[in-house]
Amino acid sequence: MLGFVSAVGVEIASGRDLFSQLVTGGVPLFLGSAILLSVASVIPMFKGVSKESKSQEIWSSGAEMLNGRFAMLGLVALALTEYLKGGPLIS
């Protein structure tokens, strides 16, 4: 979700498409933030906190999984649309 929102935000701010963002140094930033967020999400598990114990009706673990899947589909759709269009989606 963070990757999709970041890619669209940078595209709106600078007019660069997803591929040019990745080519001009986006891969290390993406990997760094992915590692940081992955480690941060695992820390509560080591403290004995389960995701089910922290879940609420709206923010349940199932809802978060579904939101994450839609965000992944959105990022792939953004990349495919920009590739087929030959430039940024938002210009």
Protein backbone atom coordinates (compact mmCIF):
# COMPACT_ATOMS: atom_id res chain seq x y z
CA MET A 1 0.00 0.00 0.00
CA LEU A 2 2.84 2.33 0.83
CA GLY A 3 4.50 1.62 -2.52
CA PHE A 4 1.34 2.40 -4.49
CA VAL A 5 0.64 5.65 -2.65
CA SER A 6 4.30 6.71 -2.89
CA ALA A 7 4.48 5.98 -6.62
CA VAL A 8 1.33 7.95 -7.36
CA GLY A 9 2.43 10.80 -5.07
CA VAL A 10 5.81 11.15 -6.76
CA GLU A 11 4.14 10.95 -10.16
CA ILE A 12 1.76 13.78 -9.27
CA ALA A 13 4.54 15.91 -7.77
CA SER A 14 7.21 15.39 -10.42
CA GLY A 15 5.46 13.97 -13.47
CA ARG A 16 7.83 10.96 -13.59
CA ASP A 17 6.29 7.60 -14.37
CA LEU A 18 6.80 4.48 -12.27
CA PHE A 19 9.61 3.08 -14.42
CA SER A 20 11.65 6.29 -14.36
CA GLN A 21 11.19 6.43 -10.58
CA LEU A 22 12.67 2.94 -10.28
CA VAL A 23 15.53 3.63 -12.70
CA THR A 24 16.60 6.84 -10.96
CA GLY A 25 17.22 5.28 -7.56
CA GLY A 26 13.81 4.07 -6.46
CA VAL A 27 14.81 0.44 -5.99
CA PRO A 28 17.11 1.00 -2.97
CA LEU A 29 14.52 3.28 -1.35
CA PHE A 30 11.78 0.74 -1.97
CA LEU A 31 13.83 -2.15 -0.61
CA GLY A 32 14.93 -0.13 2.41
CA SER A 33 11.40 0.89 3.32
CA ALA A 34 10.10 -2.65 2.69
CA ILE A 35 12.72 -4.12 5.03
CA LEU A 36 12.09 -1.48 7.69
CA LEU A 37 8.32 -1.96 7.63
CA SER A 38 8.67 -5.75 7.60
CA VAL A 39 10.89 -5.71 10.67
CA ALA A 40 8.57 -3.25 12.41
CA SER A 41 5.56 -5.46 11.75
CA VAL A 42 7.30 -8.55 13.16
CA ILE A 43 8.44 -6.96 16.45
CA PRO A 44 5.02 -7.29 18.19
CA MET A 45 4.98 -11.00 17.33
CA PHE A 46 8.22 -11.48 19.28
CA LYS A 47 6.58 -9.72 22.23
CA GLY A 48 3.73 -12.25 22.20
CA VAL A 49 1.06 -10.02 20.65
CA SER A 50 -1.08 -11.77 18.05
CA LYS A 51 -2.73 -9.97 15.17
CA GLU A 52 -6.10 -11.42 16.15
CA SER A 53 -5.88 -9.94 19.65
CA LYS A 54 -5.37 -6.43 18.21
CA SER A 55 -7.99 -6.78 15.45
CA GLN A 56 -11.19 -4.79 15.50
CA GLU A 57 -14.22 -5.09 13.25
CA ILE A 58 -13.11 -2.54 10.65
CA TRP A 59 -9.36 -3.09 10.93
CA SER A 60 -9.35 -6.85 11.07
CA SER A 61 -6.45 -8.90 9.80
CA GLY A 62 -8.66 -10.15 6.94
CA ALA A 63 -9.57 -6.61 5.91
CA GLU A 64 -5.91 -5.58 5.95
CA MET A 65 -5.00 -8.59 3.81
CA LEU A 66 -7.69 -7.63 1.30
CA ASN A 67 -6.54 -3.99 1.25
CA GLY A 68 -2.97 -5.09 0.66
CA ARG A 69 -3.98 -7.29 -2.24
CA PHE A 70 -5.94 -4.46 -3.85
CA ALA A 71 -2.93 -2.16 -3.42
CA MET A 72 -0.69 -4.72 -5.14
CA LEU A 73 -3.16 -5.00 -8.00
CA GLY A 74 -3.27 -1.21 -8.21
CA LEU A 75 0.51 -0.96 -8.47
CA VAL A 76 0.61 -3.59 -11.21
CA ALA A 77 -2.26 -1.84 -13.03
CA LEU A 78 -0.41 1.49 -12.75
CA ALA A 79 2.80 0.00 -14.17
CA LEU A 80 0.96 -1.77 -16.99
CA THR A 81 -1.07 1.31 -17.91
CA GLU A 82 2.05 3.51 -17.98
CA TYR A 83 3.87 0.93 -20.08
CA LEU A 84 1.05 0.71 -22.61
CA LYS A 85 0.54 4.47 -22.64
CA GLY A 86 4.26 5.17 -22.97
CA GLY A 87 4.43 7.75 -20.19
CA PRO A 88 3.06 8.80 -16.84
CA LEU A 89 -0.59 8.12 -16.10
CA ILE A 90 -1.05 11.48 -14.41
CA SER A 91 0.48 14.35 -16.32
